[in-house]
Amino acid sequence: MAKFERHIFICTNQRAADNPRGCCDAEGLSSLQLAFKKELSARGLKARVRANKAGCLDQCEHGPTVVVYPEGVWYGGVKPEDVLEIIEQHIINNSPVARLLLDQGCINTPACEHKKHRNAE
């Protein structure tokens, strides 16, 4: 079997409902990850692109969070209805979905304006 061309990491981390940082998978059903798997399979991409569950990607304030590698493209606020667009536009046509992109200044930095509740963990 050939190696995967891309990996889509979908945060499935859970936090208490009252946590100020938010939660990427409040129901604990991995429904976003399953939606990616279903759409990849429907398009015959299952052998080329892997939709992986991920633990906390530390972008809780932007959740649900998805990152596509090897490009390192980060998406925030992803909903099941966005899955088809990400697969068609980004995975198939190599053009990231601009409206869902996380600001580069927010990724892996404590200085992001959205992380004002950072110490509430």
PDB file of N, CA and C in Angstrom:
ATOM      1  N   MET A   1       0.839  -1.181   0.000  1.00  0.00           N
ATOM      2  CA  MET A   1       0.000   0.000   0.000  1.00  0.00           C
ATOM      3  C   MET A   1       0.888   1.249   0.000  1.00  0.00           C
ATOM      4  N   ALA A   2       0.545   2.191  -0.835  1.00  0.00           N
ATOM      5  CA  ALA A   2       1.286   3.451  -0.911  1.00  0.00           C
ATOM      6  C   ALA A   2       1.055   4.279   0.347  1.00  0.00           C
ATOM      7  N   LYS A   3       2.006   5.144   0.635  1.00  0.00           N
ATOM      8  CA  LYS A   3       1.835   6.006   1.811  1.00  0.00           C
ATOM      9  C   LYS A   3       0.771   7.065   1.522  1.00  0.00           C
ATOM     10  N   PHE A   4       0.211   7.606   2.595  1.00  0.00           N
ATOM     11  CA  PHE A   4      -0.816   8.635   2.463  1.00  0.00           C
ATOM     12  C   PHE A   4      -0.213   9.934   1.941  1.00  0.00           C
ATOM     13  N   GLU A   5      -0.943  10.606   1.067  1.00  0.00           N
ATOM     14  CA  GLU A   5      -0.512  11.895   0.539  1.00  0.00           C
ATOM     15  C   GLU A   5      -0.766  13.011   1.536  1.00  0.00           C
ATOM     16  N   ARG A   6      -1.841  12.870   2.287  1.00  0.00           N
ATOM     17  CA  ARG A   6      -2.217  13.887   3.276  1.00  0.00           C
ATOM     18  C   ARG A   6      -2.815  13.220   4.508  1.00  0.00           C
ATOM     19  N   HIS A   7      -2.682  13.923   5.603  1.00  0.00           N
ATOM     20  CA  HIS A   7      -3.341  13.537   6.848  1.00  0.00           C
ATOM     21  C   HIS A   7      -4.191  14.722   7.295  1.00  0.00           C
ATOM     22  N   ILE A   8      -5.419  14.441   7.658  1.00  0.00           N
ATOM     23  CA  ILE A   8      -6.305  15.449   8.218  1.00  0.00           C
ATOM     24  C   ILE A   8      -6.478  15.088   9.681  1.00  0.00           C
ATOM     25  N   PHE A   9      -5.994  15.962  10.551  1.00  0.00           N
ATOM     26  CA  PHE A   9      -6.113  15.734  11.987  1.00  0.00           C
ATOM     27  C   PHE A   9      -7.289  16.542  12.514  1.00  0.00           C
ATOM     28  N   ILE A  10      -8.233  15.850  13.144  1.00  0.00           N
ATOM     29  CA  ILE A  10      -9.449  16.473  13.650  1.00  0.00           C
ATOM     30  C   ILE A  10      -9.422  16.369  15.168  1.00  0.00           C
ATOM     31  N   CYS A  11      -9.451  17.516  15.837  1.00  0.00           N
ATOM     32  CA  CYS A  11      -9.421  17.508  17.295  1.00  0.00           C
ATOM     33  C   CYS A  11     -10.690  16.864  17.839  1.00  0.00           C
ATOM     34  N   THR A  12     -10.516  15.892  18.710  1.00  0.00           N
ATOM     35  CA  THR A  12     -11.642  15.241  19.369  1.00  0.00           C
ATOM     36  C   THR A  12     -11.536  15.398  20.886  1.00  0.00           C
ATOM     37  N   ASN A  13     -10.771  16.405  21.309  1.00  0.00           N
ATOM     38  CA  ASN A  13     -10.589  16.645  22.729  1.00  0.00           C
ATOM     39  C   ASN A  13     -11.898  17.095  23.371  1.00  0.00           C
ATOM     40  N   GLN A  14     -12.112  16.668  24.600  1.00  0.00           N
ATOM     41  CA  GLN A  14     -13.312  17.043  25.339  1.00  0.00           C
ATOM     42  C   GLN A  14     -12.934  17.820  26.589  1.00  0.00           C
ATOM     43  N   ARG A  15     -13.735  18.816  26.887  1.00  0.00           N
ATOM     44  CA  ARG A  15     -13.590  19.609  28.107  1.00  0.00           C
ATOM     45  C   ARG A  15     -14.975  19.750  28.729  1.00  0.00           C
ATOM     46  N   ALA A  16     -14.980  20.146  29.973  1.00  0.00           N
ATOM     47  CA  ALA A  16     -16.258  20.403  30.650  1.00  0.00           C
ATOM     48  C   ALA A  16     -17.012  21.504  29.913  1.00  0.00           C
ATOM     49  N   ALA A  17     -18.319  21.419  29.889  1.00  0.00           N
ATOM     50  CA  ALA A  17     -19.158  22.377  29.163  1.00  0.00           C
ATOM     51  C   ALA A  17     -18.923  23.820  29.589  1.00  0.00           C
ATOM     52  N   ASP A  18     -18.538  24.035  30.829  1.00  0.00           N
ATOM     53  CA  ASP A  18     -18.342  25.400  31.331  1.00  0.00           C
ATOM     54  C   ASP A  18     -16.895  25.897  31.182  1.00  0.00           C
ATOM     55  N   ASN A  19     -16.034  25.122  30.539  1.00  0.00           N
ATOM     56  CA  ASN A  19     -14.653  25.553  30.376  1.00  0.00           C
ATOM     57  C   ASN A  19     -14.594  26.751  29.431  1.00  0.00           C
ATOM     58  N   PRO A  20     -13.971  27.846  29.856  1.00  0.00           N
ATOM     59  CA  PRO A  20     -13.932  29.050  29.020  1.00  0.00           C
ATOM     60  C   PRO A  20     -13.144  28.884  27.720  1.00  0.00           C
ATOM     61  N   ARG A  21     -12.306  27.866  27.622  1.00  0.00           N
ATOM     62  CA  ARG A  21     -11.545  27.650  26.385  1.00  0.00           C
ATOM     63  C   ARG A  21     -12.373  26.976  25.315  1.00  0.00           C
ATOM     64  N   GLY A  22     -13.469  26.373  25.687  1.00  0.00           N
ATOM     65  CA  GLY A  22     -14.298  25.683  24.713  1.00  0.00           C
ATOM     66  C   GLY A  22     -13.915  24.223  24.578  1.00  0.00           C
ATOM     67  N   CYS A  23     -14.542  23.564  23.627  1.00  0.00           N
ATOM     68  CA  CYS A  23     -14.349  22.129  23.452  1.00  0.00           C
ATOM     69  C   CYS A  23     -14.569  21.787  21.984  1.00  0.00           C
ATOM     70  N   CYS A  24     -13.725  20.937  21.430  1.00  0.00           N
ATOM     71  CA  CYS A  24     -13.840  20.574  20.014  1.00  0.00           C
ATOM     72  C   CYS A  24     -14.813  19.425  19.760  1.00  0.00           C
ATOM     73  N   ASP A  25     -15.074  18.593  20.762  1.00  0.00           N
ATOM     74  CA  ASP A  25     -15.951  17.429  20.565  1.00  0.00           C
ATOM     75  C   ASP A  25     -16.816  17.231  21.805  1.00  0.00           C
ATOM     76  N   ALA A  26     -17.707  18.168  22.022  1.00  0.00           N
ATOM     77  CA  ALA A  26     -18.518  18.189  23.249  1.00  0.00           C
ATOM     78  C   ALA A  26     -19.303  16.894  23.480  1.00  0.00           C
ATOM     79  N   GLU A  27     -19.833  16.276  22.424  1.00  0.00           N
ATOM     80  CA  GLU A  27     -20.612  15.054  22.595  1.00  0.00           C
ATOM     81  C   GLU A  27     -19.741  13.810  22.740  1.00  0.00           C
ATOM     82  N   GLY A  28     -18.462  13.922  22.378  1.00  0.00           N
ATOM     83  CA  GLY A  28     -17.563  12.782  22.459  1.00  0.00           C
ATOM     84  C   GLY A  28     -17.871  11.703  21.434  1.00  0.00           C
ATOM     85  N   LEU A  29     -18.482  12.086  20.316  1.00  0.00           N
ATOM     86  CA  LEU A  29     -18.881  11.123  19.293  1.00  0.00           C
ATOM     87  C   LEU A  29     -17.950  11.092  18.081  1.00  0.00           C
ATOM     88  N   SER A  30     -16.971  11.972  18.053  1.00  0.00           N
ATOM     89  CA  SER A  30     -16.050  12.079  16.915  1.00  0.00           C
ATOM     90  C   SER A  30     -16.805  12.266  15.603  1.00  0.00           C
ATOM     91  N   SER A  31     -17.935  12.944  15.648  1.00  0.00           N
ATOM     92  CA  SER A  31     -18.785  13.078  14.459  1.00  0.00           C
ATOM     93  C   SER A  31     -18.100  13.844  13.330  1.00  0.00           C
ATOM     94  N   LEU A  32     -17.271  14.827  13.659  1.00  0.00           N
ATOM     95  CA  LEU A  32     -16.569  15.571  12.618  1.00  0.00           C
ATOM     96  C   LEU A  32     -15.553  14.662  11.914  1.00  0.00           C
ATOM     97  N   GLN A  33     -14.817  13.892  12.680  1.00  0.00           N
ATOM     98  CA  GLN A  33     -13.844  12.970  12.099  1.00  0.00           C
ATOM     99  C   GLN A  33     -14.549  11.911  11.247  1.00  0.00           C
ATOM    100  N   LEU A  34     -15.667  11.410  11.714  1.00  0.00           N
ATOM    101  CA  LEU A  34     -16.422  10.413  10.952  1.00  0.00           C
ATOM    102  C   LEU A  34     -16.973  11.000   9.657  1.00  0.00           C
ATOM    103  N   ALA A  35     -17.364  12.278   9.684  1.00  0.00           N
ATOM    104  CA  ALA A  35     -17.844  12.946   8.468  1.00  0.00           C
ATOM    105  C   ALA A  35     -16.730  13.043   7.428  1.00  0.00           C
ATOM    106  N   PHE A  36     -15.510  13.359   7.890  1.00  0.00           N
ATOM    107  CA  PHE A  36     -14.369  13.393   6.962  1.00  0.00           C
ATOM    108  C   PHE A  36     -14.127  12.007   6.370  1.00  0.00           C
ATOM    109  N   LYS A  37     -14.130  10.977   7.204  1.00  0.00           N
ATOM    110  CA  LYS A  37     -13.899   9.614   6.719  1.00  0.00           C
ATOM    111  C   LYS A  37     -14.948   9.207   5.690  1.00  0.00           C
ATOM    112  N   LYS A  38     -16.194   9.526   5.962  1.00  0.00           N
ATOM    113  CA  LYS A  38     -17.284   9.171   5.055  1.00  0.00           C
ATOM    114  C   LYS A  38     -17.115   9.849   3.692  1.00  0.00           C
ATOM    115  N   GLU A  39     -16.817  11.154   3.709  1.00  0.00           N
ATOM    116  CA  GLU A  39     -16.670  11.894   2.457  1.00  0.00           C
ATOM    117  C   GLU A  39     -15.426  11.464   1.680  1.00  0.00           C
ATOM    118  N   LEU A  40     -14.345  11.179   2.370  1.00  0.00           N
ATOM    119  CA  LEU A  40     -13.140  10.697   1.696  1.00  0.00           C
ATOM    120  C   LEU A  40     -13.410   9.358   1.013  1.00  0.00           C
ATOM    121  N   SER A  41     -14.106   8.493   1.710  1.00  0.00           N
ATOM    122  CA  SER A  41     -14.448   7.182   1.157  1.00  0.00           C
ATOM    123  C   SER A  41     -15.366   7.329  -0.051  1.00  0.00           C
ATOM    124  N   ALA A  42     -16.360   8.207   0.052  1.00  0.00           N
ATOM    125  CA  ALA A  42     -17.309   8.415  -1.043  1.00  0.00           C
ATOM    126  C   ALA A  42     -16.626   8.921  -2.311  1.00  0.00           C
ATOM    127  N   ARG A  43     -15.510   9.603  -2.157  1.00  0.00           N
ATOM    128  CA  ARG A  43     -14.781  10.155  -3.301  1.00  0.00           C
ATOM    129  C   ARG A  43     -13.597   9.294  -3.731  1.00  0.00           C
ATOM    130  N   GLY A  44     -13.485   8.105  -3.145  1.00  0.00           N
ATOM    131  CA  GLY A  44     -12.405   7.200  -3.517  1.00  0.00           C
ATOM    132  C   GLY A  44     -11.035   7.661  -3.057  1.00  0.00           C
ATOM    133  N   LEU A  45     -10.993   8.477  -2.000  1.00  0.00           N
ATOM    134  CA  LEU A  45      -9.724   9.036  -1.512  1.00  0.00           C
ATOM    135  C   LEU A  45      -9.197   8.335  -0.261  1.00  0.00           C
ATOM    136  N   LYS A  46      -9.906   7.346   0.207  1.00  0.00           N
ATOM    137  CA  LYS A  46      -9.575   6.693   1.474  1.00  0.00           C
ATOM    138  C   LYS A  46      -8.154   6.139   1.515  1.00  0.00           C
ATOM    139  N   ALA A  47      -7.639   5.672   0.397  1.00  0.00           N
ATOM    140  CA  ALA A  47      -6.287   5.108   0.368  1.00  0.00           C
ATOM    141  C   ALA A  47      -5.205   6.177   0.248  1.00  0.00           C
ATOM    142  N   ARG A  48      -5.595   7.408  -0.084  1.00  0.00           N
ATOM    143  CA  ARG A  48      -4.623   8.490  -0.295  1.00  0.00           C
ATOM    144  C   ARG A  48      -4.618   9.540   0.816  1.00  0.00           C
ATOM    145  N   VAL A  49      -5.758   9.689   1.499  1.00  0.00           N
ATOM    146  CA  VAL A  49      -5.902  10.728   2.524  1.00  0.00           C
ATOM    147  C   VAL A  49      -6.474  10.083   3.776  1.00  0.00           C
ATOM    148  N   ARG A  50      -5.844  10.348   4.886  1.00  0.00           N
ATOM    149  CA  ARG A  50      -6.256   9.759   6.168  1.00  0.00           C
ATOM    150  C   ARG A  50      -6.871  10.818   7.056  1.00  0.00           C
ATOM    151  N   ALA A  51      -8.056  10.539   7.597  1.00  0.00           N
ATOM    152  CA  ALA A  51      -8.720  11.430   8.558  1.00  0.00           C
ATOM    153  C   ALA A  51      -8.490  10.859   9.950  1.00  0.00           C
ATOM    154  N   ASN A  52      -7.609  11.503  10.705  1.00  0.00           N
ATOM    155  CA  ASN A  52      -7.197  11.010  12.012  1.00  0.00           C
ATOM    156  C   ASN A  52      -7.851  11.767  13.150  1.00  0.00           C
ATOM    157  N   LYS A  53      -8.222  11.036  14.197  1.00  0.00           N
ATOM    158  CA  LYS A  53      -8.616  11.682  15.448  1.00  0.00           C
ATOM    159  C   LYS A  53      -7.350  12.255  16.063  1.00  0.00           C
ATOM    160  N   ALA A  54      -7.470  13.427  16.634  1.00  0.00           N
ATOM    161  CA  ALA A  54      -6.331  14.021  17.331  1.00  0.00           C
ATOM    162  C   ALA A  54      -6.768  14.396  18.738  1.00  0.00           C
ATOM    163  N   GLY A  55      -5.832  14.336  19.646  1.00  0.00           N
ATOM    164  CA  GLY A  55      -6.077  14.884  20.967  1.00  0.00           C
ATOM    165  C   GLY A  55      -6.038  16.401  20.847  1.00  0.00           C
ATOM    166  N   CYS A  56      -5.900  17.064  21.947  1.00  0.00           N
ATOM    167  CA  CYS A  56      -5.921  18.527  21.955  1.00  0.00           C
ATOM    168  C   CYS A  56      -4.830  19.101  21.043  1.00  0.00           C
ATOM    169  N   LEU A  57      -5.258  19.968  20.131  1.00  0.00           N
ATOM    170  CA  LEU A  57      -4.332  20.664  19.239  1.00  0.00           C
ATOM    171  C   LEU A  57      -3.984  22.043  19.791  1.00  0.00           C
ATOM    172  N   ASP A  58      -4.455  22.337  20.996  1.00  0.00           N
ATOM    173  CA  ASP A  58      -4.190  23.582  21.722  1.00  0.00           C
ATOM    174  C   ASP A  58      -4.686  24.824  20.983  1.00  0.00           C
ATOM    175  N   GLN A  59      -5.781  24.667  20.286  1.00  0.00           N
ATOM    176  CA  GLN A  59      -6.443  25.790  19.618  1.00  0.00           C
ATOM    177  C   GLN A  59      -7.918  25.807  20.036  1.00  0.00           C
ATOM    178  N   CYS A  60      -8.166  25.463  21.283  1.00  0.00           N
ATOM    179  CA  CYS A  60      -9.522  25.280  21.802  1.00  0.00           C
ATOM    180  C   CYS A  60     -10.434  26.474  21.536  1.00  0.00           C
ATOM    181  N   GLU A  61      -9.885  27.663  21.645  1.00  0.00           N
ATOM    182  CA  GLU A  61     -10.674  28.870  21.440  1.00  0.00           C
ATOM    183  C   GLU A  61     -11.156  29.008  19.995  1.00  0.00           C
ATOM    184  N   HIS A  62     -10.574  28.247  19.110  1.00  0.00           N
ATOM    185  CA  HIS A  62     -10.915  28.288  17.686  1.00  0.00           C
ATOM    186  C   HIS A  62     -11.655  27.041  17.238  1.00  0.00           C
ATOM    187  N   GLY A  63     -12.000  26.180  18.170  1.00  0.00           N
ATOM    188  CA  GLY A  63     -12.540  24.869  17.831  1.00  0.00           C
ATOM    189  C   GLY A  63     -13.916  24.879  17.219  1.00  0.00           C
ATOM    190  N   PRO A  64     -14.285  23.754  16.692  1.00  0.00           N
ATOM    191  CA  PRO A  64     -13.483  22.578  16.422  1.00  0.00           C
ATOM    192  C   PRO A  64     -12.358  22.864  15.417  1.00  0.00           C
ATOM    193  N   THR A  65     -11.207  22.306  15.733  1.00  0.00           N
ATOM    194  CA  THR A  65      -9.997  22.583  14.964  1.00  0.00           C
ATOM    195  C   THR A  65      -9.604  21.376  14.113  1.00  0.00           C
ATOM    196  N   VAL A  66      -9.156  21.680  12.890  1.00  0.00           N
ATOM    197  CA  VAL A  66      -8.696  20.667  11.942  1.00  0.00           C
ATOM    198  C   VAL A  66      -7.395  21.183  11.346  1.00  0.00           C
ATOM    199  N   VAL A  67      -6.417  20.287  11.172  1.00  0.00           N
ATOM    200  CA  VAL A  67      -5.166  20.668  10.508  1.00  0.00           C
ATOM    201  C   VAL A  67      -4.843  19.637   9.435  1.00  0.00           C
ATOM    202  N   VAL A  68      -4.441  20.122   8.270  1.00  0.00           N
ATOM    203  CA  VAL A  68      -4.123  19.262   7.132  1.00  0.00           C
ATOM    204  C   VAL A  68      -2.614  19.286   6.917  1.00  0.00           C
ATOM    205  N   TYR A  69      -2.021  18.087   6.903  1.00  0.00           N
ATOM    206  CA  TYR A  69      -0.596  17.935   6.625  1.00  0.00           C
ATOM    207  C   TYR A  69      -0.412  17.125   5.361  1.00  0.00           C
ATOM    208  N   PRO A  70       0.649  17.384   4.588  1.00  0.00           N
ATOM    209  CA  PRO A  70       1.891  18.009   5.014  1.00  0.00           C
ATOM    210  C   PRO A  70       1.906  19.530   4.925  1.00  0.00           C
ATOM    211  N   GLU A  71       0.852  20.158   4.411  1.00  0.00           N
ATOM    212  CA  GLU A  71       0.875  21.613   4.231  1.00  0.00           C
ATOM    213  C   GLU A  71       0.883  22.389   5.538  1.00  0.00           C
ATOM    214  N   GLY A  72       0.332  21.805   6.594  1.00  0.00           N
ATOM    215  CA  GLY A  72       0.227  22.520   7.859  1.00  0.00           C
ATOM    216  C   GLY A  72      -0.826  23.612   7.801  1.00  0.00           C
ATOM    217  N   VAL A  73      -1.948  23.344   7.143  1.00  0.00           N
ATOM    218  CA  VAL A  73      -3.044  24.303   7.034  1.00  0.00           C
ATOM    219  C   VAL A  73      -4.007  24.072   8.190  1.00  0.00           C
ATOM    220  N   TRP A  74      -4.230  25.125   8.985  1.00  0.00           N
ATOM    221  CA  TRP A  74      -5.073  25.050  10.171  1.00  0.00           C
ATOM    222  C   TRP A  74      -6.426  25.686   9.913  1.00  0.00           C
ATOM    223  N   TYR A  75      -7.474  24.956  10.285  1.00  0.00           N
ATOM    224  CA  TYR A  75      -8.841  25.451  10.176  1.00  0.00           C
ATOM    225  C   TYR A  75      -9.467  25.532  11.561  1.00  0.00           C
ATOM    226  N   GLY A  76     -10.314  26.525  11.754  1.00  0.00           N
ATOM    227  CA  GLY A  76     -11.024  26.671  13.019  1.00  0.00           C
ATOM    228  C   GLY A  76     -12.512  26.834  12.800  1.00  0.00           C
ATOM    229  N   GLY A  77     -13.270  26.496  13.833  1.00  0.00           N
ATOM    230  CA  GLY A  77     -14.718  26.616  13.760  1.00  0.00           C
ATOM    231  C   GLY A  77     -15.330  25.697  12.726  1.00  0.00           C
ATOM    232  N   VAL A  78     -14.712  24.545  12.509  1.00  0.00           N
ATOM    233  CA  VAL A  78     -15.167  23.626  11.467  1.00  0.00           C
ATOM    234  C   VAL A  78     -16.428  22.891  11.940  1.00  0.00           C
ATOM    235  N   LYS A  79     -17.403  22.859  11.054  1.00  0.00           N
ATOM    236  CA  LYS A  79     -18.676  22.182  11.318  1.00  0.00           C
ATOM    237  C   LYS A  79     -18.830  21.048  10.309  1.00  0.00           C
ATOM    238  N   PRO A  80     -19.686  20.076  10.613  1.00  0.00           N
ATOM    239  CA  PRO A  80     -19.894  18.979   9.661  1.00  0.00           C
ATOM    240  C   PRO A  80     -20.266  19.468   8.262  1.00  0.00           C
ATOM    241  N   GLU A  81     -20.992  20.553   8.175  1.00  0.00           N
ATOM    242  CA  GLU A  81     -21.374  21.066   6.856  1.00  0.00           C
ATOM    243  C   GLU A  81     -20.194  21.669   6.087  1.00  0.00           C
ATOM    244  N   ASP A  82     -19.038  21.850   6.735  1.00  0.00           N
ATOM    245  CA  ASP A  82     -17.838  22.370   6.073  1.00  0.00           C
ATOM    246  C   ASP A  82     -16.965  21.264   5.474  1.00  0.00           C
ATOM    247  N   VAL A  83     -17.203  20.033   5.869  1.00  0.00           N
ATOM    248  CA  VAL A  83     -16.359  18.913   5.470  1.00  0.00           C
ATOM    249  C   VAL A  83     -16.291  18.761   3.955  1.00  0.00           C
ATOM    250  N   LEU A  84     -17.421  18.767   3.305  1.00  0.00           N
ATOM    251  CA  LEU A  84     -17.457  18.614   1.857  1.00  0.00           C
ATOM    252  C   LEU A  84     -16.644  19.704   1.166  1.00  0.00           C
ATOM    253  N   GLU A  85     -16.776  20.946   1.634  1.00  0.00           N
ATOM    254  CA  GLU A  85     -16.031  22.061   1.040  1.00  0.00           C
ATOM    255  C   GLU A  85     -14.524  21.893   1.230  1.00  0.00           C
ATOM    256  N   ILE A  86     -14.111  21.475   2.401  1.00  0.00           N
ATOM    257  CA  ILE A  86     -12.680  21.263   2.655  1.00  0.00           C
ATOM    258  C   ILE A  86     -12.137  20.163   1.748  1.00  0.00           C
ATOM    259  N   ILE A  87     -12.879  19.080   1.622  1.00  0.00           N
ATOM    260  CA  ILE A  87     -12.406  17.980   0.783  1.00  0.00           C
ATOM    261  C   ILE A  87     -12.365  18.388  -0.679  1.00  0.00           C
ATOM    262  N   GLU A  88     -13.426  18.995  -1.161  1.00  0.00           N
ATOM    263  CA  GLU A  88     -13.457  19.361  -2.580  1.00  0.00           C
ATOM    264  C   GLU A  88     -12.473  20.473  -2.918  1.00  0.00           C
ATOM    265  N   GLN A  89     -12.463  21.521  -2.099  1.00  0.00           N
ATOM    266  CA  GLN A  89     -11.636  22.681  -2.434  1.00  0.00           C
ATOM    267  C   GLN A  89     -10.171  22.469  -2.069  1.00  0.00           C
ATOM    268  N   HIS A  90      -9.907  21.959  -0.873  1.00  0.00           N
ATOM    269  CA  HIS A  90      -8.521  21.833  -0.420  1.00  0.00           C
ATOM    270  C   HIS A  90      -7.900  20.504  -0.846  1.00  0.00           C
ATOM    271  N   ILE A  91      -8.529  19.418  -0.463  1.00  0.00           N
ATOM    272  CA  ILE A  91      -7.928  18.105  -0.709  1.00  0.00           C
ATOM    273  C   ILE A  91      -7.884  17.771  -2.203  1.00  0.00           C
ATOM    274  N   ILE A  92      -8.968  17.997  -2.916  1.00  0.00           N
ATOM    275  CA  ILE A  92      -9.010  17.646  -4.337  1.00  0.00           C
ATOM    276  C   ILE A  92      -8.406  18.739  -5.214  1.00  0.00           C
ATOM    277  N   ASN A  93      -8.751  20.006  -4.950  1.00  0.00           N
ATOM    278  CA  ASN A  93      -8.316  21.104  -5.826  1.00  0.00           C
ATOM    279  C   ASN A  93      -7.144  21.922  -5.287  1.00  0.00           C
ATOM    280  N   ASN A  94      -6.555  21.490  -4.170  1.00  0.00           N
ATOM    281  CA  ASN A  94      -5.344  22.117  -3.615  1.00  0.00           C
ATOM    282  C   ASN A  94      -5.477  23.608  -3.307  1.00  0.00           C
ATOM    283  N   SER A  95      -6.650  24.027  -2.880  1.00  0.00           N
ATOM    284  CA  SER A  95      -6.878  25.426  -2.540  1.00  0.00           C
ATOM    285  C   SER A  95      -7.558  25.507  -1.174  1.00  0.00           C
ATOM    286  N   PRO A  96      -6.821  25.873  -0.122  1.00  0.00           N
ATOM    287  CA  PRO A  96      -7.416  25.937   1.211  1.00  0.00           C
ATOM    288  C   PRO A  96      -8.681  26.805   1.250  1.00  0.00           C
ATOM    289  N   VAL A  97      -9.571  26.472   2.154  1.00  0.00           N
ATOM    290  CA  VAL A  97     -10.833  27.184   2.332  1.00  0.00           C
ATOM    291  C   VAL A  97     -10.559  28.423   3.188  1.00  0.00           C
ATOM    292  N   ALA A  98     -10.441  29.576   2.543  1.00  0.00           N
ATOM    293  CA  ALA A  98     -10.015  30.819   3.205  1.00  0.00           C
ATOM    294  C   ALA A  98     -10.885  31.199   4.396  1.00  0.00           C
ATOM    295  N   ARG A  99     -12.183  31.033   4.303  1.00  0.00           N
ATOM    296  CA  ARG A  99     -13.077  31.488   5.375  1.00  0.00           C
ATOM    297  C   ARG A  99     -12.910  30.703   6.677  1.00  0.00           C
ATOM    298  N   LEU A 100     -12.269  29.543   6.614  1.00  0.00           N
ATOM    299  CA  LEU A 100     -12.072  28.723   7.807  1.00  0.00           C
ATOM    300  C   LEU A 100     -10.636  28.742   8.331  1.00  0.00           C
ATOM    301  N   LEU A 101      -9.735  29.390   7.617  1.00  0.00           N
ATOM    302  CA  LEU A 101      -8.323  29.396   8.015  1.00  0.00           C
ATOM    303  C   LEU A 101      -8.116  30.117   9.343  1.00  0.00           C
ATOM    304  N   LEU A 102      -7.290  29.535  10.175  1.00  0.00           N
ATOM    305  CA  LEU A 102      -6.885  30.213  11.403  1.00  0.00           C
ATOM    306  C   LEU A 102      -5.831  31.256  11.062  1.00  0.00           C
ATOM    307  N   ASP A 103      -5.881  32.364  11.733  1.00  0.00           N
ATOM    308  CA  ASP A 103      -4.871  33.409  11.568  1.00  0.00           C
ATOM    309  C   ASP A 103      -3.528  32.834  12.011  1.00  0.00           C
ATOM    310  N   GLN A 104      -2.501  33.001  11.197  1.00  0.00           N
ATOM    311  CA  GLN A 104      -1.174  32.472  11.516  1.00  0.00           C
ATOM    312  C   GLN A 104      -0.656  33.005  12.852  1.00  0.00           C
ATOM    313  N   GLY A 105      -1.091  34.191  13.242  1.00  0.00           N
ATOM    314  CA  GLY A 105      -0.669  34.764  14.516  1.00  0.00           C
ATOM    315  C   GLY A 105      -1.296  34.096  15.723  1.00  0.00           C
ATOM    316  N   CYS A 106      -2.259  33.246  15.503  1.00  0.00           N
ATOM    317  CA  CYS A 106      -2.939  32.552  16.598  1.00  0.00           C
ATOM    318  C   CYS A 106      -2.419  31.135  16.831  1.00  0.00           C
ATOM    319  N   ILE A 107      -1.668  30.606  15.880  1.00  0.00           N
ATOM    320  CA  ILE A 107      -1.243  29.212  15.972  1.00  0.00           C
ATOM    321  C   ILE A 107       0.011  29.096  16.819  1.00  0.00           C
ATOM    322  N   ASN A 108      -0.095  28.282  17.865  1.00  0.00           N
ATOM    323  CA  ASN A 108       1.018  27.990  18.768  1.00  0.00           C
ATOM    324  C   ASN A 108       1.653  29.230  19.384  1.00  0.00           C
ATOM    325  N   THR A 109       0.812  30.163  19.796  1.00  0.00           N
ATOM    326  CA  THR A 109       1.297  31.343  20.483  1.00  0.00           C
ATOM    327  C   THR A 109       0.329  31.724  21.603  1.00  0.00           C
ATOM    328  N   PRO A 110       0.847  32.096  22.754  1.00  0.00           N
ATOM    329  CA  PRO A 110      -0.045  32.532  23.835  1.00  0.00           C
ATOM    330  C   PRO A 110      -0.558  33.952  23.632  1.00  0.00           C
ATOM    331  N   ALA A 111      -0.055  34.650  22.631  1.00  0.00           N
ATOM    332  CA  ALA A 111      -0.401  36.055  22.425  1.00  0.00           C
ATOM    333  C   ALA A 111      -1.692  36.257  21.630  1.00  0.00           C
ATOM    334  N   CYS A 112      -2.299  35.206  21.136  1.00  0.00           N
ATOM    335  CA  CYS A 112      -3.514  35.323  20.331  1.00  0.00           C
ATOM    336  C   CYS A 112      -4.627  35.983  21.142  1.00  0.00           C
ATOM    337  N   GLU A 113      -5.294  36.946  20.525  1.00  0.00           N
ATOM    338  CA  GLU A 113      -6.372  37.664  21.208  1.00  0.00           C
ATOM    339  C   GLU A 113      -7.509  36.751  21.642  1.00  0.00           C
ATOM    340  N   HIS A 114      -7.670  35.610  21.000  1.00  0.00           N
ATOM    341  CA  HIS A 114      -8.746  34.682  21.323  1.00  0.00           C
ATOM    342  C   HIS A 114      -8.445  33.853  22.584  1.00  0.00           C
ATOM    343  N   LYS A 115      -7.204  33.898  23.031  1.00  0.00           N
ATOM    344  CA  LYS A 115      -6.792  33.087  24.168  1.00  0.00           C
ATOM    345  C   LYS A 115      -6.792  33.858  25.476  1.00  0.00           C
ATOM    346  N   LYS A 116      -7.706  34.777  25.620  1.00  0.00           N
ATOM    347  CA  LYS A 116      -7.760  35.605  26.828  1.00  0.00           C
ATOM    348  C   LYS A 116      -8.086  34.784  28.081  1.00  0.00           C
ATOM    349  N   HIS A 117      -8.710  33.624  27.906  1.00  0.00           N
ATOM    350  CA  HIS A 117      -9.050  32.787  29.039  1.00  0.00           C
ATOM    351  C   HIS A 117      -8.023  31.692  29.269  1.00  0.00           C
ATOM    352  N   ARG A 118      -6.867  31.862  28.744  1.00  0.00           N
ATOM    353  CA  ARG A 118      -5.819  30.838  28.733  1.00  0.00           C
ATOM    354  C   ARG A 118      -5.508  30.299  30.124  1.00  0.00           C
ATOM    355  N   ASN A 119      -5.530  31.130  31.125  1.00  0.00           N
ATOM    356  CA  ASN A 119      -5.173  30.676  32.476  1.00  0.00           C
ATOM    357  C   ASN A 119      -6.333  30.040  33.221  1.00  0.00           C
ATOM    358  N   ALA A 120      -7.470  29.893  32.584  1.00  0.00           N
ATOM    359  CA  ALA A 120      -8.644  29.328  33.236  1.00  0.00           C
ATOM    360  C   ALA A 120      -8.656  27.801  33.211  1.00  0.00           C
ATOM    361  N   GLU A 121      -7.625  27.204  32.614  1.00  0.00           N
ATOM    362  CA  GLU A 121      -7.583  25.750  32.532  1.00  0.00           C
ATOM    363  C   GLU A 121      -7.558  25.222  33.903  1.00  0.00           C
TER     364      GLU A 121
END
